Amino acid sequence: MVYLEYDMLGIHKKISIEGINYHHDNNVIKHDGTHYEYVVGSKEQKTFKILLKILKLWNEMAKKCGIEYWACAGSLLGAVRHSGFIPWDNDIDISIMLSDLKNVKLNIEKHSFLTCCECELGLQVRYRDYEFPFMDIFVCDYYDKNTIKYCGFLSKHGEPTWFMDYYFKNEHVYKNELYPLKEVVFEDTTIMVPNIQKNMLFRTYSNQCLTGCKIVKHTDVHELSTKKMMELRYNYLKTVYEIEYAFKIPKHIMFTSLQYKVLKKVEEKMNHGKKNVIFNKLFLQTVKNFNYFCNHLYKL
């Protein structure tokens, strides 16, 4: 058994796990064979403070407007393993059903503090005019009578395209695992989670995700995901999809499918850590260049 300690929003936290894999991360301090410390810097603390504010405002709106949601991906893992944020993450991930999408958009549009933009996974919610951080809302629907999956961006008829399945292959949930939803502690507030969390987490990560920590950072890419960039990419993918669909191109060889497969391979390479540092820098520079291109287009 090993222990990981860190400070989160003024609270000292300590979790016990069976092991930790951190690829020589500079934020990790190894005190001895069983005690580790993760240093959350002032910049990251500010990020988590804004994210917590977004979550509290979202919870208030969701309860008032009858919107069902549940934590997914890193936020679900954080809720179960950390009772809050994972200290090396920097966003919030939640899911809603497609049937709630209009209600969510309508209420955020008239919200005093929250804003949102459409993107390929559904919506990104931000606090006021902050570009970063944000909350990702994955829009879901029934793939069959029992399986609930990420819709991906919607077709021009408002139907799921299911392209997210190429990138998030195992992040589905079954109806009997999801309902009834549970409310659990998340920092000094709460978050909704599936009724059976372990099954979804084990499919998404591994069956060791609750007993061990693998510190993998994708935070740099999050910080570069501006609203303009996400909106442009979303509109571009939708346009390409409609053209390919009109020409009856098989889904598995559509450009939209292939680019998700490539992105998944890129992420896997980035997750290998230090030995891919040059590759990581080149990829991040590509994202920066694309972001610059998006900003330039908006000025035209």
C-alpha atoms as a PDB file:
ATOM      1  CA  MET A   1       0.000   0.000   0.000  1.00  0.00           C
ATOM      2  CA  VAL A   2       1.247   3.507  -0.885  1.00  0.00           C
ATOM      3  CA  TYR A   3      -0.093   6.946  -0.023  1.00  0.00           C
ATOM      4  CA  LEU A   4      -0.518   9.967  -2.262  1.00  0.00           C
ATOM      5  CA  GLU A   5      -0.938  13.372  -0.629  1.00  0.00           C
ATOM      6  CA  TYR A   6      -1.761  16.746  -2.166  1.00  0.00           C
ATOM      7  CA  ASP A   7      -3.413  20.071  -1.383  1.00  0.00           C
ATOM      8  CA  MET A   8      -6.643  20.890  -3.186  1.00  0.00           C
ATOM      9  CA  LEU A   9      -8.376  24.246  -2.719  1.00  0.00           C
ATOM     10  CA  GLY A  10      -7.050  24.694   0.809  1.00  0.00           C
ATOM     11  CA  ILE A  11      -7.735  21.102   1.904  1.00  0.00           C
ATOM     12  CA  HIS A  12      -4.949  18.574   2.472  1.00  0.00           C
ATOM     13  CA  LYS A  13      -5.905  15.241   0.928  1.00  0.00           C
ATOM     14  CA  LYS A  14      -4.457  11.765   1.270  1.00  0.00           C
ATOM     15  CA  ILE A  15      -5.513   8.693  -0.666  1.00  0.00           C
ATOM     16  CA  SER A  16      -4.293   5.125  -0.207  1.00  0.00           C
ATOM     17  CA  ILE A  17      -3.617   3.048  -3.322  1.00  0.00           C
ATOM     18  CA  GLU A  18      -1.723  -0.070  -4.252  1.00  0.00           C
ATOM     19  CA  GLY A  19       0.674   1.631  -6.645  1.00  0.00           C
ATOM     20  CA  ILE A  20       1.558   4.777  -8.578  1.00  0.00           C
ATOM     21  CA  ASN A  21       2.947   5.187 -12.113  1.00  0.00           C
ATOM     22  CA  TYR A  22       4.138   8.698 -12.863  1.00  0.00           C
ATOM     23  CA  HIS A  23       6.823   8.582 -15.601  1.00  0.00           C
ATOM     24  CA  HIS A  24       9.214  10.930 -13.738  1.00  0.00           C
ATOM     25  CA  ASP A  25       6.599  13.693 -13.455  1.00  0.00           C
ATOM     26  CA  ASN A  26       8.191  16.779 -11.874  1.00  0.00           C
ATOM     27  CA  ASN A  27       5.080  17.419  -9.791  1.00  0.00           C
ATOM     28  CA  VAL A  28       5.518  14.122  -7.961  1.00  0.00           C
ATOM     29  CA  ILE A  29       7.767  14.047  -4.896  1.00  0.00           C
ATOM     30  CA  LYS A  30       8.708  10.601  -3.626  1.00  0.00           C
ATOM     31  CA  HIS A  31       9.357  10.848   0.121  1.00  0.00           C
ATOM     32  CA  ASP A  32      10.025   7.139   0.609  1.00  0.00           C
ATOM     33  CA  GLY A  33       8.852   3.814  -0.776  1.00  0.00           C
ATOM     34  CA  THR A  34       5.280   4.297   0.399  1.00  0.00           C
ATOM     35  CA  HIS A  35       4.691   8.061   0.586  1.00  0.00           C
ATOM     36  CA  TYR A  36       4.278  10.320  -2.423  1.00  0.00           C
ATOM     37  CA  GLU A  37       3.251  13.954  -2.747  1.00  0.00           C
ATOM     38  CA  TYR A  38       1.716  15.631  -5.783  1.00  0.00           C
ATOM     39  CA  VAL A  39       2.367  19.390  -5.960  1.00  0.00           C
ATOM     40  CA  VAL A  40      -0.625  21.371  -7.233  1.00  0.00           C
ATOM     41  CA  GLY A  41       0.715  24.810  -8.200  1.00  0.00           C
ATOM     42  CA  SER A  42      -1.010  28.175  -7.766  1.00  0.00           C
ATOM     43  CA  LYS A  43      -2.001  28.270 -11.448  1.00  0.00           C
ATOM     44  CA  GLU A  44      -3.665  24.866 -11.151  1.00  0.00           C
ATOM     45  CA  GLN A  45      -5.368  25.850  -7.886  1.00  0.00           C
ATOM     46  CA  LYS A  46      -6.920  28.822  -9.668  1.00  0.00           C
ATOM     47  CA  THR A  47      -8.112  26.484 -12.435  1.00  0.00           C
ATOM     48  CA  PHE A  48      -9.764  24.123  -9.940  1.00  0.00           C
ATOM     49  CA  LYS A  49     -11.401  27.082  -8.167  1.00  0.00           C
ATOM     50  CA  ILE A  50     -13.076  28.182 -11.421  1.00  0.00           C
ATOM     51  CA  LEU A  51     -14.067  24.606 -12.273  1.00  0.00           C
ATOM     52  CA  LEU A  52     -15.695  24.191  -8.868  1.00  0.00           C
ATOM     53  CA  LYS A  53     -17.622  27.405  -9.436  1.00  0.00           C
ATOM     54  CA  ILE A  54     -18.821  26.085 -12.822  1.00  0.00           C
ATOM     55  CA  LEU A  55     -19.938  22.814 -11.217  1.00  0.00           C
ATOM     56  CA  LYS A  56     -21.855  24.567  -8.441  1.00  0.00           C
ATOM     57  CA  LEU A  57     -23.635  26.864 -10.898  1.00  0.00           C
ATOM     58  CA  TRP A  58     -24.394  23.877 -13.141  1.00  0.00           C
ATOM     59  CA  ASN A  59     -25.799  21.848 -10.219  1.00  0.00           C
ATOM     60  CA  GLU A  60     -28.036  24.731  -9.240  1.00  0.00           C
ATOM     61  CA  MET A  61     -29.347  25.098 -12.786  1.00  0.00           C
ATOM     62  CA  ALA A  62     -29.747  21.352 -13.361  1.00  0.00           C
ATOM     63  CA  LYS A  63     -31.818  20.877 -10.193  1.00  0.00           C
ATOM     64  CA  LYS A  64     -33.966  23.921 -10.935  1.00  0.00           C
ATOM     65  CA  CYS A  65     -34.626  22.906 -14.556  1.00  0.00           C
ATOM     66  CA  GLY A  66     -34.966  19.137 -14.066  1.00  0.00           C
ATOM     67  CA  ILE A  67     -31.858  18.227 -16.069  1.00  0.00           C
ATOM     68  CA  GLU A  68     -30.381  14.789 -15.457  1.00  0.00           C
ATOM     69  CA  TYR A  69     -26.624  14.374 -15.816  1.00  0.00           C
ATOM     70  CA  TRP A  70     -23.814  12.156 -14.600  1.00  0.00           C
ATOM     71  CA  ALA A  71     -20.043  12.439 -14.255  1.00  0.00           C
ATOM     72  CA  CYS A  72     -18.013  10.526 -16.829  1.00  0.00           C
ATOM     73  CA  ALA A  73     -14.357   9.968 -17.802  1.00  0.00           C
ATOM     74  CA  GLY A  74     -11.849  11.724 -15.491  1.00  0.00           C
ATOM     75  CA  SER A  75     -14.513  13.417 -13.385  1.00  0.00           C
ATOM     76  CA  LEU A  76     -16.151  10.084 -12.601  1.00  0.00           C
ATOM     77  CA  LEU A  77     -12.767   8.614 -11.656  1.00  0.00           C
ATOM     78  CA  GLY A  78     -12.075  11.694  -9.530  1.00  0.00           C
ATOM     79  CA  ALA A  79     -15.451  11.466  -7.802  1.00  0.00           C
ATOM     80  CA  VAL A  80     -14.926   7.823  -6.842  1.00  0.00           C
ATOM     81  CA  ARG A  81     -11.175   7.717  -6.108  1.00  0.00           C
ATOM     82  CA  HIS A  82     -10.515  11.285  -4.875  1.00  0.00           C
ATOM     83  CA  SER A  83     -13.968  12.546  -3.821  1.00  0.00           C
ATOM     84  CA  GLY A  84     -13.181  15.489  -6.087  1.00  0.00           C
ATOM     85  CA  PHE A  85     -10.771  16.583  -8.769  1.00  0.00           C
ATOM     86  CA  ILE A  86      -7.863  14.449  -9.929  1.00  0.00           C
ATOM     87  CA  PRO A  87      -4.954  16.817  -9.190  1.00  0.00           C
ATOM     88  CA  TRP A  88      -3.333  16.341 -12.629  1.00  0.00           C
ATOM     89  CA  ASP A  89      -6.581  16.934 -14.550  1.00  0.00           C
ATOM     90  CA  ASN A  90      -7.970  20.354 -15.491  1.00  0.00           C
ATOM     91  CA  ASP A  91     -11.525  20.034 -16.755  1.00  0.00           C
ATOM     92  CA  ILE A  92     -14.899  18.555 -15.805  1.00  0.00           C
ATOM     93  CA  ASP A  93     -16.538  15.773 -17.812  1.00  0.00           C
ATOM     94  CA  ILE A  94     -20.257  15.112 -17.558  1.00  0.00           C
ATOM     95  CA  SER A  95     -22.892  13.477 -19.750  1.00  0.00           C
ATOM     96  CA  ILE A  96     -26.507  14.304 -20.529  1.00  0.00           C
ATOM     97  CA  MET A  97     -29.121  12.576 -22.656  1.00  0.00           C
ATOM     98  CA  LEU A  98     -29.922  13.957 -26.099  1.00  0.00           C
ATOM     99  CA  SER A  99     -33.506  14.538 -24.938  1.00  0.00           C
ATOM    100  CA  ASP A 100     -32.180  17.159 -22.471  1.00  0.00           C
ATOM    101  CA  LEU A 101     -29.951  19.019 -24.944  1.00  0.00           C
ATOM    102  CA  LYS A 102     -32.469  21.715 -25.933  1.00  0.00           C
ATOM    103  CA  ASN A 103     -33.333  22.378 -22.298  1.00  0.00           C
ATOM    104  CA  VAL A 104     -29.641  22.717 -21.399  1.00  0.00           C
ATOM    105  CA  LYS A 105     -28.866  25.110 -24.264  1.00  0.00           C
ATOM    106  CA  LEU A 106     -31.937  27.230 -23.562  1.00  0.00           C
ATOM    107  CA  ASN A 107     -31.118  27.656 -19.872  1.00  0.00           C
ATOM    108  CA  ILE A 108     -27.409  28.340 -20.390  1.00  0.00           C
ATOM    109  CA  GLU A 109     -28.233  30.975 -23.024  1.00  0.00           C
ATOM    110  CA  LYS A 110     -30.133  32.990 -20.403  1.00  0.00           C
ATOM    111  CA  HIS A 111     -27.737  32.215 -17.525  1.00  0.00           C
ATOM    112  CA  SER A 112     -26.000  35.147 -15.882  1.00  0.00           C
ATOM    113  CA  PHE A 113     -22.596  33.481 -15.498  1.00  0.00           C
ATOM    114  CA  LEU A 114     -22.387  30.338 -17.644  1.00  0.00           C
ATOM    115  CA  THR A 115     -21.808  30.339 -21.404  1.00  0.00           C
ATOM    116  CA  CYS A 116     -21.560  27.452 -23.836  1.00  0.00           C
ATOM    117  CA  CYS A 117     -20.562  26.585 -27.377  1.00  0.00           C
ATOM    118  CA  GLU A 118     -21.376  23.582 -29.520  1.00  0.00           C
ATOM    119  CA  CYS A 119     -18.554  21.174 -30.268  1.00  0.00           C
ATOM    120  CA  GLU A 120     -18.109  17.678 -31.633  1.00  0.00           C
ATOM    121  CA  LEU A 121     -18.749  15.958 -28.285  1.00  0.00           C
ATOM    122  CA  GLY A 122     -21.784  18.099 -27.470  1.00  0.00           C
ATOM    123  CA  LEU A 123     -21.188  21.292 -25.502  1.00  0.00           C
ATOM    124  CA  GLN A 124     -18.406  23.109 -23.703  1.00  0.00           C
ATOM    125  CA  VAL A 125     -19.479  25.234 -20.743  1.00  0.00           C
ATOM    126  CA  ARG A 126     -17.352  28.144 -19.517  1.00  0.00           C
ATOM    127  CA  TYR A 127     -17.565  30.691 -16.724  1.00  0.00           C
ATOM    128  CA  ARG A 128     -18.348  34.149 -18.115  1.00  0.00           C
ATOM    129  CA  ASP A 129     -15.745  35.127 -20.722  1.00  0.00           C
ATOM    130  CA  TYR A 130     -12.995  32.772 -19.517  1.00  0.00           C
ATOM    131  CA  GLU A 131     -11.525  30.713 -22.379  1.00  0.00           C
ATOM    132  CA  PHE A 132     -10.173  28.206 -19.890  1.00  0.00           C
ATOM    133  CA  PRO A 133     -11.030  26.107 -17.941  1.00  0.00           C
ATOM    134  CA  PHE A 134     -14.271  24.539 -19.164  1.00  0.00           C
ATOM    135  CA  MET A 135     -16.716  21.726 -18.544  1.00  0.00           C
ATOM    136  CA  ASP A 136     -17.255  19.196 -21.337  1.00  0.00           C
ATOM    137  CA  ILE A 137     -20.813  17.948 -21.757  1.00  0.00           C
ATOM    138  CA  PHE A 138     -20.972  14.681 -23.697  1.00  0.00           C
ATOM    139  CA  VAL A 139     -24.395  14.278 -25.304  1.00  0.00           C
ATOM    140  CA  CYS A 140     -25.588  10.660 -25.152  1.00  0.00           C
ATOM    141  CA  ASP A 141     -28.425   8.565 -26.510  1.00  0.00           C
ATOM    142  CA  TYR A 142     -29.562   4.972 -26.705  1.00  0.00           C
ATOM    143  CA  TYR A 143     -27.462   3.038 -29.239  1.00  0.00           C
ATOM    144  CA  ASP A 144     -29.786   0.118 -28.652  1.00  0.00           C
ATOM    145  CA  LYS A 145     -32.492  -0.557 -26.066  1.00  0.00           C
ATOM    146  CA  ASN A 146     -29.954  -0.968 -23.232  1.00  0.00           C
ATOM    147  CA  THR A 147     -26.663   0.667 -24.352  1.00  0.00           C
ATOM    148  CA  ILE A 148     -26.081   4.406 -23.964  1.00  0.00           C
ATOM    149  CA  LYS A 149     -23.212   5.929 -25.980  1.00  0.00           C
ATOM    150  CA  TYR A 150     -21.791   9.340 -26.842  1.00  0.00           C
ATOM    151  CA  CYS A 151     -23.726  10.725 -29.827  1.00  0.00           C
ATOM    152  CA  GLY A 152     -20.819  12.613 -31.365  1.00  0.00           C
ATOM    153  CA  PHE A 153     -21.855  15.686 -33.327  1.00  0.00           C
ATOM    154  CA  LEU A 154     -25.412  15.580 -34.641  1.00  0.00           C
ATOM    155  CA  SER A 155     -26.396  15.347 -38.313  1.00  0.00           C
ATOM    156  CA  LYS A 156     -28.342  18.159 -39.971  1.00  0.00           C
ATOM    157  CA  HIS A 157     -31.491  16.254 -38.949  1.00  0.00           C
ATOM    158  CA  GLY A 158     -30.418  16.265 -35.291  1.00  0.00           C
ATOM    159  CA  GLU A 159     -29.545  12.562 -35.212  1.00  0.00           C
ATOM    160  CA  PRO A 160     -26.451  10.997 -33.555  1.00  0.00           C
ATOM    161  CA  THR A 161     -23.523  10.217 -35.855  1.00  0.00           C
ATOM    162  CA  TRP A 162     -21.794   8.038 -33.203  1.00  0.00           C
ATOM    163  CA  PHE A 163     -18.314   9.115 -34.354  1.00  0.00           C
ATOM    164  CA  MET A 164     -17.142   9.520 -30.742  1.00  0.00           C
ATOM    165  CA  ASP A 165     -17.192   5.714 -30.584  1.00  0.00           C
ATOM    166  CA  TYR A 166     -13.972   5.672 -32.633  1.00  0.00           C
ATOM    167  CA  TYR A 167     -12.204   7.785 -30.005  1.00  0.00           C
ATOM    168  CA  PHE A 168     -13.946   6.710 -26.793  1.00  0.00           C
ATOM    169  CA  LYS A 169     -14.475   3.087 -27.730  1.00  0.00           C
ATOM    170  CA  ASN A 170     -15.344   1.652 -24.320  1.00  0.00           C
ATOM    171  CA  GLU A 171     -16.984   4.628 -22.601  1.00  0.00           C
ATOM    172  CA  HIS A 172     -20.555   3.428 -22.955  1.00  0.00           C
ATOM    173  CA  VAL A 173     -22.875   2.686 -20.063  1.00  0.00           C
ATOM    174  CA  TYR A 174     -25.783   0.291 -19.754  1.00  0.00           C
ATOM    175  CA  LYS A 175     -29.185   1.462 -18.621  1.00  0.00           C
ATOM    176  CA  ASN A 176     -29.235  -0.871 -15.616  1.00  0.00           C
ATOM    177  CA  GLU A 177     -25.815   0.489 -14.527  1.00  0.00           C
ATOM    178  CA  LEU A 178     -26.759   4.132 -14.957  1.00  0.00           C
ATOM    179  CA  TYR A 179     -30.088   4.387 -13.176  1.00  0.00           C
ATOM    180  CA  PRO A 180     -31.019   5.423 -10.609  1.00  0.00           C
ATOM    181  CA  LEU A 181     -28.360   8.139 -10.533  1.00  0.00           C
ATOM    182  CA  LYS A 182     -26.515   8.791  -7.280  1.00  0.00           C
ATOM    183  CA  GLU A 183     -25.337  12.043  -5.721  1.00  0.00           C
ATOM    184  CA  VAL A 184     -21.845  11.855  -4.184  1.00  0.00           C
ATOM    185  CA  VAL A 185     -19.430  14.258  -2.506  1.00  0.00           C
ATOM    186  CA  PHE A 186     -17.151  16.208  -4.841  1.00  0.00           C
ATOM    187  CA  GLU A 187     -14.831  18.642  -3.042  1.00  0.00           C
ATOM    188  CA  ASP A 188     -17.203  20.904  -1.041  1.00  0.00           C
ATOM    189  CA  THR A 189     -20.183  20.243  -3.299  1.00  0.00           C
ATOM    190  CA  THR A 190     -21.713  17.167  -4.974  1.00  0.00           C
ATOM    191  CA  ILE A 191     -21.848  15.551  -8.385  1.00  0.00           C
ATOM    192  CA  MET A 192     -24.192  12.988  -9.936  1.00  0.00           C
ATOM    193  CA  VAL A 193     -22.735   9.599 -10.885  1.00  0.00           C
ATOM    194  CA  PRO A 194     -24.034   6.324 -12.379  1.00  0.00           C
ATOM    195  CA  ASN A 195     -25.615   3.925  -9.907  1.00  0.00           C
ATOM    196  CA  ILE A 196     -22.839   1.376 -10.581  1.00  0.00           C
ATOM    197  CA  GLN A 197     -19.657   3.362 -11.182  1.00  0.00           C
ATOM    198  CA  LYS A 198     -17.044   0.594 -11.222  1.00  0.00           C
ATOM    199  CA  ASN A 199     -18.254  -1.092 -14.402  1.00  0.00           C
ATOM    200  CA  MET A 200     -18.018   2.115 -16.425  1.00  0.00           C
ATOM    201  CA  LEU A 201     -14.619   3.020 -14.941  1.00  0.00           C
ATOM    202  CA  PHE A 202     -13.158  -0.435 -15.570  1.00  0.00           C
ATOM    203  CA  ARG A 203     -14.260  -0.317 -19.231  1.00  0.00           C
ATOM    204  CA  THR A 204     -12.890   3.203 -19.694  1.00  0.00           C
ATOM    205  CA  TYR A 205      -9.561   2.725 -17.913  1.00  0.00           C
ATOM    206  CA  SER A 206      -8.772  -0.665 -16.363  1.00  0.00           C
ATOM    207  CA  ASN A 207      -9.816  -2.772 -13.413  1.00  0.00           C
ATOM    208  CA  GLN A 208      -6.836  -1.299 -11.516  1.00  0.00           C
ATOM    209  CA  CYS A 209      -7.945   2.338 -11.880  1.00  0.00           C
ATOM    210  CA  LEU A 210      -9.363   2.527  -8.349  1.00  0.00           C
ATOM    211  CA  THR A 211      -6.445   0.805  -6.638  1.00  0.00           C
ATOM    212  CA  GLY A 212      -3.612   2.519  -8.512  1.00  0.00           C
ATOM    213  CA  CYS A 213      -2.795   5.927 -10.013  1.00  0.00           C
ATOM    214  CA  LYS A 214      -1.369   6.420 -13.479  1.00  0.00           C
ATOM    215  CA  ILE A 215      -0.441  10.074 -13.795  1.00  0.00           C
ATOM    216  CA  VAL A 216      -1.013  11.000 -17.429  1.00  0.00           C
ATOM    217  CA  LYS A 217      -1.305  14.644 -18.433  1.00  0.00           C
ATOM    218  CA  HIS A 218      -3.324  15.923 -21.374  1.00  0.00           C
ATOM    219  CA  THR A 219      -3.766  19.316 -19.759  1.00  0.00           C
ATOM    220  CA  ASP A 220      -1.704  21.258 -22.325  1.00  0.00           C
ATOM    221  CA  VAL A 221      -4.143  20.340 -25.098  1.00  0.00           C
ATOM    222  CA  HIS A 222      -7.083  21.418 -22.898  1.00  0.00           C
ATOM    223  CA  GLU A 223      -5.550  24.861 -22.391  1.00  0.00           C
ATOM    224  CA  LEU A 224      -5.239  25.311 -26.160  1.00  0.00           C
ATOM    225  CA  SER A 225      -8.842  24.281 -26.852  1.00  0.00           C
ATOM    226  CA  THR A 226     -10.308  27.755 -27.279  1.00  0.00           C
ATOM    227  CA  LYS A 227     -13.952  28.389 -28.041  1.00  0.00           C
ATOM    228  CA  LYS A 228     -13.123  29.602 -31.573  1.00  0.00           C
ATOM    229  CA  MET A 229     -11.016  26.557 -32.296  1.00  0.00           C
ATOM    230  CA  MET A 230     -13.685  24.127 -31.052  1.00  0.00           C
ATOM    231  CA  GLU A 231     -16.491  25.843 -32.974  1.00  0.00           C
ATOM    232  CA  LEU A 232     -14.503  25.928 -36.212  1.00  0.00           C
ATOM    233  CA  ARG A 233     -13.530  22.279 -35.913  1.00  0.00           C
ATOM    234  CA  TYR A 234     -17.135  21.346 -35.109  1.00  0.00           C
ATOM    235  CA  ASN A 235     -18.521  23.176 -38.163  1.00  0.00           C
ATOM    236  CA  TYR A 236     -15.768  21.772 -40.382  1.00  0.00           C
ATOM    237  CA  LEU A 237     -16.426  18.167 -39.309  1.00  0.00           C
ATOM    238  CA  LYS A 238     -20.181  18.562 -39.791  1.00  0.00           C
ATOM    239  CA  THR A 239     -19.692  19.978 -43.302  1.00  0.00           C
ATOM    240  CA  VAL A 240     -17.295  17.193 -44.315  1.00  0.00           C
ATOM    241  CA  TYR A 241     -19.622  14.555 -42.872  1.00  0.00           C
ATOM    242  CA  GLU A 242     -22.663  15.805 -44.791  1.00  0.00           C
ATOM    243  CA  ILE A 243     -20.689  15.755 -48.056  1.00  0.00           C
ATOM    244  CA  GLU A 244     -19.379  12.225 -47.403  1.00  0.00           C
ATOM    245  CA  TYR A 245     -22.844  11.084 -46.346  1.00  0.00           C
ATOM    246  CA  ALA A 246     -24.384  12.503 -49.525  1.00  0.00           C
ATOM    247  CA  PHE A 247     -21.880  10.497 -51.609  1.00  0.00           C
ATOM    248  CA  LYS A 248     -22.707   7.374 -49.549  1.00  0.00           C
ATOM    249  CA  ILE A 249     -19.118   6.833 -48.434  1.00  0.00           C
ATOM    250  CA  PRO A 250     -18.952   3.916 -45.954  1.00  0.00           C
ATOM    251  CA  LYS A 251     -18.686   5.239 -42.415  1.00  0.00           C
ATOM    252  CA  HIS A 252     -15.525   3.339 -41.474  1.00  0.00           C
ATOM    253  CA  ILE A 253     -13.513   5.024 -44.256  1.00  0.00           C
ATOM    254  CA  MET A 254     -15.002   8.498 -43.931  1.00  0.00           C
ATOM    255  CA  PHE A 255     -12.474  11.240 -43.162  1.00  0.00           C
ATOM    256  CA  THR A 256     -14.342  11.871 -39.913  1.00  0.00           C
ATOM    257  CA  SER A 257     -13.783   8.278 -38.759  1.00  0.00           C
ATOM    258  CA  LEU A 258     -10.138   8.195 -39.838  1.00  0.00           C
ATOM    259  CA  GLN A 259      -9.188  11.433 -38.072  1.00  0.00           C
ATOM    260  CA  TYR A 260     -10.578  10.120 -34.784  1.00  0.00           C
ATOM    261  CA  LYS A 261      -8.530   6.952 -35.191  1.00  0.00           C
ATOM    262  CA  VAL A 262      -5.409   9.040 -35.841  1.00  0.00           C
ATOM    263  CA  LEU A 263      -6.108  11.281 -32.839  1.00  0.00           C
ATOM    264  CA  LYS A 264      -6.451   8.200 -30.641  1.00  0.00           C
ATOM    265  CA  LYS A 265      -3.030   6.959 -31.790  1.00  0.00           C
ATOM    266  CA  VAL A 266      -1.558  10.415 -31.113  1.00  0.00           C
ATOM    267  CA  GLU A 267      -2.969  10.432 -27.576  1.00  0.00           C
ATOM    268  CA  GLU A 268      -1.591   6.959 -26.915  1.00  0.00           C
ATOM    269  CA  LYS A 269       1.883   8.103 -27.991  1.00  0.00           C
ATOM    270  CA  MET A 270       1.675  11.216 -25.820  1.00  0.00           C
ATOM    271  CA  ASN A 271       0.690   9.064 -22.853  1.00  0.00           C
ATOM    272  CA  HIS A 272       3.973   7.130 -23.021  1.00  0.00           C
ATOM    273  CA  GLY A 273       5.677  10.009 -21.267  1.00  0.00           C
ATOM    274  CA  LYS A 274       9.212  11.337 -21.373  1.00  0.00           C
ATOM    275  CA  LYS A 275      10.518   9.260 -24.273  1.00  0.00           C
ATOM    276  CA  ASN A 276       8.027  10.991 -26.571  1.00  0.00           C
ATOM    277  CA  VAL A 277       8.784  14.533 -25.416  1.00  0.00           C
ATOM    278  CA  ILE A 278       9.810  15.685 -28.936  1.00  0.00           C
ATOM    279  CA  PHE A 279       6.684  14.152 -30.455  1.00  0.00           C
ATOM    280  CA  ASN A 280       4.567  15.822 -27.746  1.00  0.00           C
ATOM    281  CA  LYS A 281       6.062  19.248 -28.455  1.00  0.00           C
ATOM    282  CA  LEU A 282       5.491  18.897 -32.199  1.00  0.00           C
ATOM    283  CA  PHE A 283       1.880  17.874 -31.629  1.00  0.00           C
ATOM    284  CA  LEU A 284       1.224  20.766 -29.243  1.00  0.00           C
ATOM    285  CA  GLN A 285       2.826  23.195 -31.703  1.00  0.00           C
ATOM    286  CA  THR A 286       0.477  21.867 -34.399  1.00  0.00           C
ATOM    287  CA  VAL A 287      -2.486  22.562 -32.111  1.00  0.00           C
ATOM    288  CA  LYS A 288      -1.170  26.080 -31.457  1.00  0.00           C
ATOM    289  CA  ASN A 289      -0.805  26.700 -35.196  1.00  0.00           C
ATOM    290  CA  PHE A 290      -4.351  25.482 -35.813  1.00  0.00           C
ATOM    291  CA  ASN A 291      -5.613  27.753 -33.039  1.00  0.00           C
ATOM    292  CA  TYR A 292      -3.811  30.724 -34.661  1.00  0.00           C
ATOM    293  CA  PHE A 293      -5.409  29.789 -37.998  1.00  0.00           C
ATOM    294  CA  CYS A 294      -8.872  29.697 -36.361  1.00  0.00           C
ATOM    295  CA  ASN A 295      -8.380  33.124 -34.768  1.00  0.00           C
ATOM    296  CA  HIS A 296      -7.246  34.529 -38.112  1.00  0.00           C
ATOM    297  CA  LEU A 297     -10.348  33.170 -39.883  1.00  0.00           C
ATOM    298  CA  TYR A 298     -12.610  34.812 -37.306  1.00  0.00           C
ATOM    299  CA  LYS A 299     -11.031  38.178 -38.049  1.00  0.00           C
ATOM    300  CA  LEU A 300     -11.749  37.948 -41.775  1.00  0.00           C
END
